[in-house]
Amino acid sequence: MATTVTLPTLSISATHSRQNEGNAGNTAMTCTVTRSGNLNQSSSVSWAVSSSSAQASDFVGMVLPSGVLHFAAHETSKTITVHVAGDTIVENSENFTV
């Protein structure tokens, strides 16, 4: 007989849902991923930035950010930090989703 494993539930929330990118340097935009439910096992989750208005050049490193979060057993939250590149170009609001 197979054993059923209940997976944890994940949620994500932005620290600031609106933030200016600035005219130079970079601006850190953070999200918190919270894990609940069955926390007895470690788990991992992949994440990526997507956008219909922002481009890779709008981010530090000139690529759309992505990564993997690794949760240890009983760990409940992790932070994702996305670094947006500042510029002096006059442009419409740019949005992205993690």
N, C-alpha and C. Protein backbone atom coordinates (compact mmCIF):
# COMPACT_ATOMS: atom_id res chain seq x y z
N MET A 1 0.84 -1.17 0.00
CA MET A 1 0.00 0.00 0.00
C MET A 1 0.90 1.24 0.00
N ALA A 2 0.57 2.20 -0.84
CA ALA A 2 1.34 3.44 -0.95
C ALA A 2 1.01 4.38 0.20
N THR A 3 2.01 5.12 0.61
CA THR A 3 1.83 6.12 1.66
C THR A 3 1.49 7.46 1.01
N THR A 4 0.49 8.14 1.52
CA THR A 4 0.12 9.45 1.01
C THR A 4 0.86 10.52 1.81
N VAL A 5 1.55 11.41 1.10
CA VAL A 5 2.27 12.51 1.73
C VAL A 5 1.53 13.80 1.43
N THR A 6 1.20 14.54 2.46
CA THR A 6 0.53 15.83 2.29
C THR A 6 1.60 16.90 2.11
N LEU A 7 1.56 17.59 1.00
CA LEU A 7 2.54 18.63 0.72
C LEU A 7 2.20 19.92 1.45
N PRO A 8 3.20 20.72 1.76
CA PRO A 8 2.92 22.01 2.39
C PRO A 8 2.26 22.97 1.40
N THR A 9 1.61 23.98 1.94
CA THR A 9 0.99 25.03 1.14
C THR A 9 1.92 26.24 1.14
N LEU A 10 2.06 26.88 -0.01
CA LEU A 10 2.92 28.06 -0.13
C LEU A 10 2.09 29.29 -0.47
N SER A 11 2.48 30.43 0.09
CA SER A 11 1.88 31.71 -0.28
C SER A 11 3.00 32.73 -0.42
N ILE A 12 2.74 33.78 -1.19
CA ILE A 12 3.76 34.81 -1.42
C ILE A 12 3.12 36.18 -1.22
N SER A 13 3.88 37.08 -0.62
CA SER A 13 3.40 38.45 -0.45
C SER A 13 4.56 39.42 -0.62
N ALA A 14 4.29 40.53 -1.28
CA ALA A 14 5.30 41.56 -1.50
C ALA A 14 5.42 42.43 -0.26
N THR A 15 6.66 42.80 0.08
CA THR A 15 6.88 43.71 1.19
C THR A 15 6.30 45.08 0.86
N HIS A 16 6.53 45.56 -0.36
CA HIS A 16 5.96 46.80 -0.88
C HIS A 16 5.42 46.48 -2.26
N SER A 17 4.14 46.66 -2.47
CA SER A 17 3.56 46.31 -3.77
C SER A 17 3.85 47.36 -4.84
N ARG A 18 4.21 48.57 -4.42
CA ARG A 18 4.59 49.64 -5.36
C ARG A 18 5.86 50.29 -4.83
N GLN A 19 6.84 50.43 -5.73
CA GLN A 19 8.10 51.02 -5.32
C GLN A 19 8.78 51.62 -6.55
N ASN A 20 9.35 52.81 -6.42
CA ASN A 20 10.06 53.43 -7.53
C ASN A 20 11.40 52.74 -7.74
N GLU A 21 11.82 52.65 -9.00
CA GLU A 21 13.10 51.99 -9.30
C GLU A 21 14.29 52.89 -9.05
N GLY A 22 14.09 54.19 -9.05
CA GLY A 22 15.20 55.13 -8.85
C GLY A 22 15.88 55.47 -10.15
N ASN A 23 16.75 56.49 -10.11
CA ASN A 23 17.43 56.98 -11.31
C ASN A 23 18.82 56.39 -11.51
N ALA A 24 19.33 55.67 -10.52
CA ALA A 24 20.68 55.09 -10.62
C ALA A 24 20.78 53.93 -9.64
N GLY A 25 21.81 53.14 -9.78
CA GLY A 25 22.03 52.02 -8.87
C GLY A 25 20.94 50.99 -9.01
N ASN A 26 20.55 50.38 -7.89
CA ASN A 26 19.47 49.40 -7.95
C ASN A 26 18.59 49.52 -6.71
N THR A 27 17.38 49.06 -6.87
CA THR A 27 16.40 49.06 -5.78
C THR A 27 16.02 47.62 -5.49
N ALA A 28 16.16 47.22 -4.24
CA ALA A 28 15.78 45.86 -3.83
C ALA A 28 14.29 45.81 -3.57
N MET A 29 13.63 44.87 -4.21
CA MET A 29 12.20 44.63 -3.99
C MET A 29 12.08 43.22 -3.43
N THR A 30 11.40 43.10 -2.30
CA THR A 30 11.37 41.81 -1.62
C THR A 30 9.96 41.24 -1.52
N CYS A 31 9.92 39.91 -1.51
CA CYS A 31 8.71 39.14 -1.29
C CYS A 31 9.01 38.09 -0.24
N THR A 32 8.01 37.75 0.54
CA THR A 32 8.15 36.68 1.51
C THR A 32 7.31 35.49 1.08
N VAL A 33 7.93 34.33 1.01
CA VAL A 33 7.22 33.09 0.71
C VAL A 33 7.02 32.38 2.04
N THR A 34 5.77 32.07 2.35
CA THR A 34 5.43 31.42 3.61
C THR A 34 4.93 30.01 3.33
N ARG A 35 5.42 29.09 4.13
CA ARG A 35 5.07 27.67 3.99
C ARG A 35 4.26 27.26 5.21
N SER A 36 3.14 26.57 4.98
CA SER A 36 2.29 26.12 6.09
C SER A 36 1.81 24.70 5.81
N GLY A 37 1.14 24.14 6.78
CA GLY A 37 0.65 22.77 6.64
C GLY A 37 1.69 21.77 7.12
N ASN A 38 1.93 20.74 6.34
CA ASN A 38 2.88 19.69 6.70
C ASN A 38 4.31 20.22 6.53
N LEU A 39 4.97 20.52 7.64
CA LEU A 39 6.33 21.07 7.62
C LEU A 39 7.37 20.06 8.07
N ASN A 40 7.00 18.79 8.15
CA ASN A 40 7.89 17.76 8.66
C ASN A 40 9.03 17.40 7.71
N GLN A 41 8.89 17.73 6.45
CA GLN A 41 9.92 17.40 5.46
C GLN A 41 10.49 18.69 4.87
N SER A 42 11.71 18.59 4.35
CA SER A 42 12.26 19.71 3.59
C SER A 42 11.55 19.78 2.25
N SER A 43 11.57 20.93 1.62
CA SER A 43 10.97 21.07 0.29
C SER A 43 11.63 22.24 -0.43
N SER A 44 11.46 22.28 -1.73
CA SER A 44 12.02 23.34 -2.55
C SER A 44 10.95 23.84 -3.50
N VAL A 45 11.09 25.10 -3.90
CA VAL A 45 10.17 25.68 -4.87
C VAL A 45 10.96 26.60 -5.79
N SER A 46 10.70 26.49 -7.09
CA SER A 46 11.32 27.37 -8.08
C SER A 46 10.48 28.63 -8.20
N TRP A 47 11.14 29.75 -8.49
CA TRP A 47 10.43 31.01 -8.70
C TRP A 47 11.07 31.73 -9.89
N ALA A 48 10.29 32.60 -10.51
CA ALA A 48 10.79 33.38 -11.65
C ALA A 48 9.97 34.66 -11.79
N VAL A 49 10.61 35.70 -12.28
CA VAL A 49 9.95 36.96 -12.58
C VAL A 49 9.38 36.88 -13.98
N SER A 50 8.14 37.34 -14.13
CA SER A 50 7.55 37.46 -15.46
C SER A 50 6.91 38.84 -15.56
N SER A 51 6.83 39.34 -16.78
CA SER A 51 6.27 40.68 -16.98
C SER A 51 5.88 40.89 -18.43
N SER A 52 4.84 41.67 -18.63
CA SER A 52 4.48 42.09 -19.98
C SER A 52 4.97 43.51 -20.24
N SER A 53 5.48 44.20 -19.20
CA SER A 53 5.94 45.58 -19.39
C SER A 53 7.42 45.76 -19.06
N ALA A 54 7.95 45.06 -18.08
CA ALA A 54 9.37 45.16 -17.75
C ALA A 54 10.16 44.19 -18.62
N GLN A 55 11.39 44.58 -18.91
CA GLN A 55 12.28 43.75 -19.74
C GLN A 55 13.49 43.33 -18.92
N ALA A 56 14.26 42.39 -19.44
CA ALA A 56 15.45 41.92 -18.74
C ALA A 56 16.37 43.08 -18.38
N SER A 57 16.47 44.09 -19.24
CA SER A 57 17.35 45.23 -19.00
C SER A 57 16.90 46.09 -17.81
N ASP A 58 15.69 45.87 -17.31
CA ASP A 58 15.20 46.61 -16.14
C ASP A 58 15.70 46.00 -14.83
N PHE A 59 16.41 44.89 -14.90
CA PHE A 59 16.89 44.20 -13.71
C PHE A 59 18.41 44.15 -13.69
N VAL A 60 18.99 44.15 -12.50
CA VAL A 60 20.43 44.01 -12.34
C VAL A 60 20.85 42.68 -12.95
N GLY A 61 21.90 42.69 -13.74
CA GLY A 61 22.37 41.48 -14.41
C GLY A 61 21.80 41.31 -15.80
N MET A 62 20.84 42.18 -16.17
CA MET A 62 20.26 42.19 -17.51
C MET A 62 19.53 40.88 -17.85
N VAL A 63 18.99 40.20 -16.84
CA VAL A 63 18.19 38.99 -17.05
C VAL A 63 16.98 39.04 -16.13
N LEU A 64 15.90 38.40 -16.53
CA LEU A 64 14.75 38.28 -15.64
C LEU A 64 15.15 37.36 -14.49
N PRO A 65 15.07 37.82 -13.26
CA PRO A 65 15.52 37.01 -12.12
C PRO A 65 14.72 35.73 -11.94
N SER A 66 15.39 34.72 -11.42
CA SER A 66 14.74 33.45 -11.08
C SER A 66 15.62 32.74 -10.05
N GLY A 67 15.09 31.71 -9.45
CA GLY A 67 15.87 30.97 -8.48
C GLY A 67 15.07 29.84 -7.87
N VAL A 68 15.64 29.25 -6.84
CA VAL A 68 15.01 28.16 -6.11
C VAL A 68 15.14 28.45 -4.62
N LEU A 69 14.05 28.31 -3.90
CA LEU A 69 14.07 28.42 -2.44
C LEU A 69 14.09 27.01 -1.86
N HIS A 70 14.96 26.79 -0.89
CA HIS A 70 15.05 25.49 -0.22
C HIS A 70 14.62 25.67 1.24
N PHE A 71 13.56 24.99 1.62
CA PHE A 71 13.05 25.03 2.99
C PHE A 71 13.53 23.79 3.74
N ALA A 72 14.11 23.99 4.90
CA ALA A 72 14.43 22.88 5.79
C ALA A 72 13.16 22.42 6.49
N ALA A 73 13.16 21.23 7.04
CA ALA A 73 12.01 20.75 7.80
C ALA A 73 11.69 21.77 8.89
N HIS A 74 10.43 22.06 9.06
CA HIS A 74 9.88 22.98 10.07
C HIS A 74 10.18 24.46 9.79
N GLU A 75 10.84 24.78 8.70
CA GLU A 75 11.09 26.18 8.33
C GLU A 75 9.83 26.74 7.66
N THR A 76 9.44 27.95 8.05
CA THR A 76 8.15 28.48 7.58
C THR A 76 8.24 29.62 6.58
N SER A 77 9.37 30.32 6.47
CA SER A 77 9.39 31.44 5.52
C SER A 77 10.78 31.65 4.94
N LYS A 78 10.78 32.21 3.75
CA LYS A 78 11.99 32.59 3.03
C LYS A 78 11.71 33.92 2.33
N THR A 79 12.78 34.66 2.05
CA THR A 79 12.65 35.94 1.36
C THR A 79 13.27 35.86 -0.03
N ILE A 80 12.56 36.42 -1.00
CA ILE A 80 13.08 36.59 -2.36
C ILE A 80 13.38 38.07 -2.52
N THR A 81 14.58 38.41 -2.98
CA THR A 81 14.94 39.80 -3.26
C THR A 81 15.24 39.93 -4.74
N VAL A 82 14.54 40.84 -5.39
CA VAL A 82 14.73 41.13 -6.81
C VAL A 82 15.33 42.52 -6.90
N HIS A 83 16.44 42.66 -7.60
CA HIS A 83 17.12 43.95 -7.74
C HIS A 83 16.76 44.59 -9.08
N VAL A 84 16.05 45.71 -9.00
CA VAL A 84 15.62 46.44 -10.18
C VAL A 84 16.65 47.53 -10.47
N ALA A 85 17.08 47.62 -11.72
CA ALA A 85 18.09 48.61 -12.12
C ALA A 85 17.44 49.98 -12.31
N GLY A 86 18.04 50.99 -11.69
CA GLY A 86 17.55 52.35 -11.86
C GLY A 86 18.02 52.94 -13.18
N ASP A 87 17.26 53.86 -13.71
CA ASP A 87 17.65 54.57 -14.94
C ASP A 87 16.95 55.91 -14.98
N THR A 88 17.36 56.76 -15.92
CA THR A 88 16.76 58.09 -16.05
C THR A 88 15.83 58.17 -17.25
N ILE A 89 15.46 57.04 -17.81
CA ILE A 89 14.56 57.00 -18.96
C ILE A 89 13.13 57.28 -18.47
N VAL A 90 12.46 58.21 -19.13
CA VAL A 90 11.06 58.49 -18.81
C VAL A 90 10.24 57.37 -19.43
N GLU A 91 9.48 56.67 -18.60
CA GLU A 91 8.74 55.50 -19.09
C GLU A 91 7.47 55.33 -18.27
N ASN A 92 6.55 54.54 -18.83
CA ASN A 92 5.33 54.20 -18.11
C ASN A 92 5.68 53.28 -16.94
N SER A 93 4.74 53.10 -16.04
CA SER A 93 4.94 52.15 -14.94
C SER A 93 5.21 50.76 -15.50
N GLU A 94 6.17 50.10 -14.89
CA GLU A 94 6.49 48.72 -15.28
C GLU A 94 6.16 47.82 -14.11
N ASN A 95 5.53 46.73 -14.42
CA ASN A 95 5.08 45.78 -13.39
C ASN A 95 5.73 44.44 -13.64
N PHE A 96 5.91 43.69 -12.57
CA PHE A 96 6.36 42.32 -12.73
C PHE A 96 5.73 41.44 -11.65
N THR A 97 5.73 40.17 -11.92
CA THR A 97 5.16 39.18 -11.02
C THR A 97 6.21 38.16 -10.69
N VAL A 98 6.25 37.74 -9.42
CA VAL A 98 7.13 36.64 -9.01
C VAL A 98 6.28 35.41 -8.87
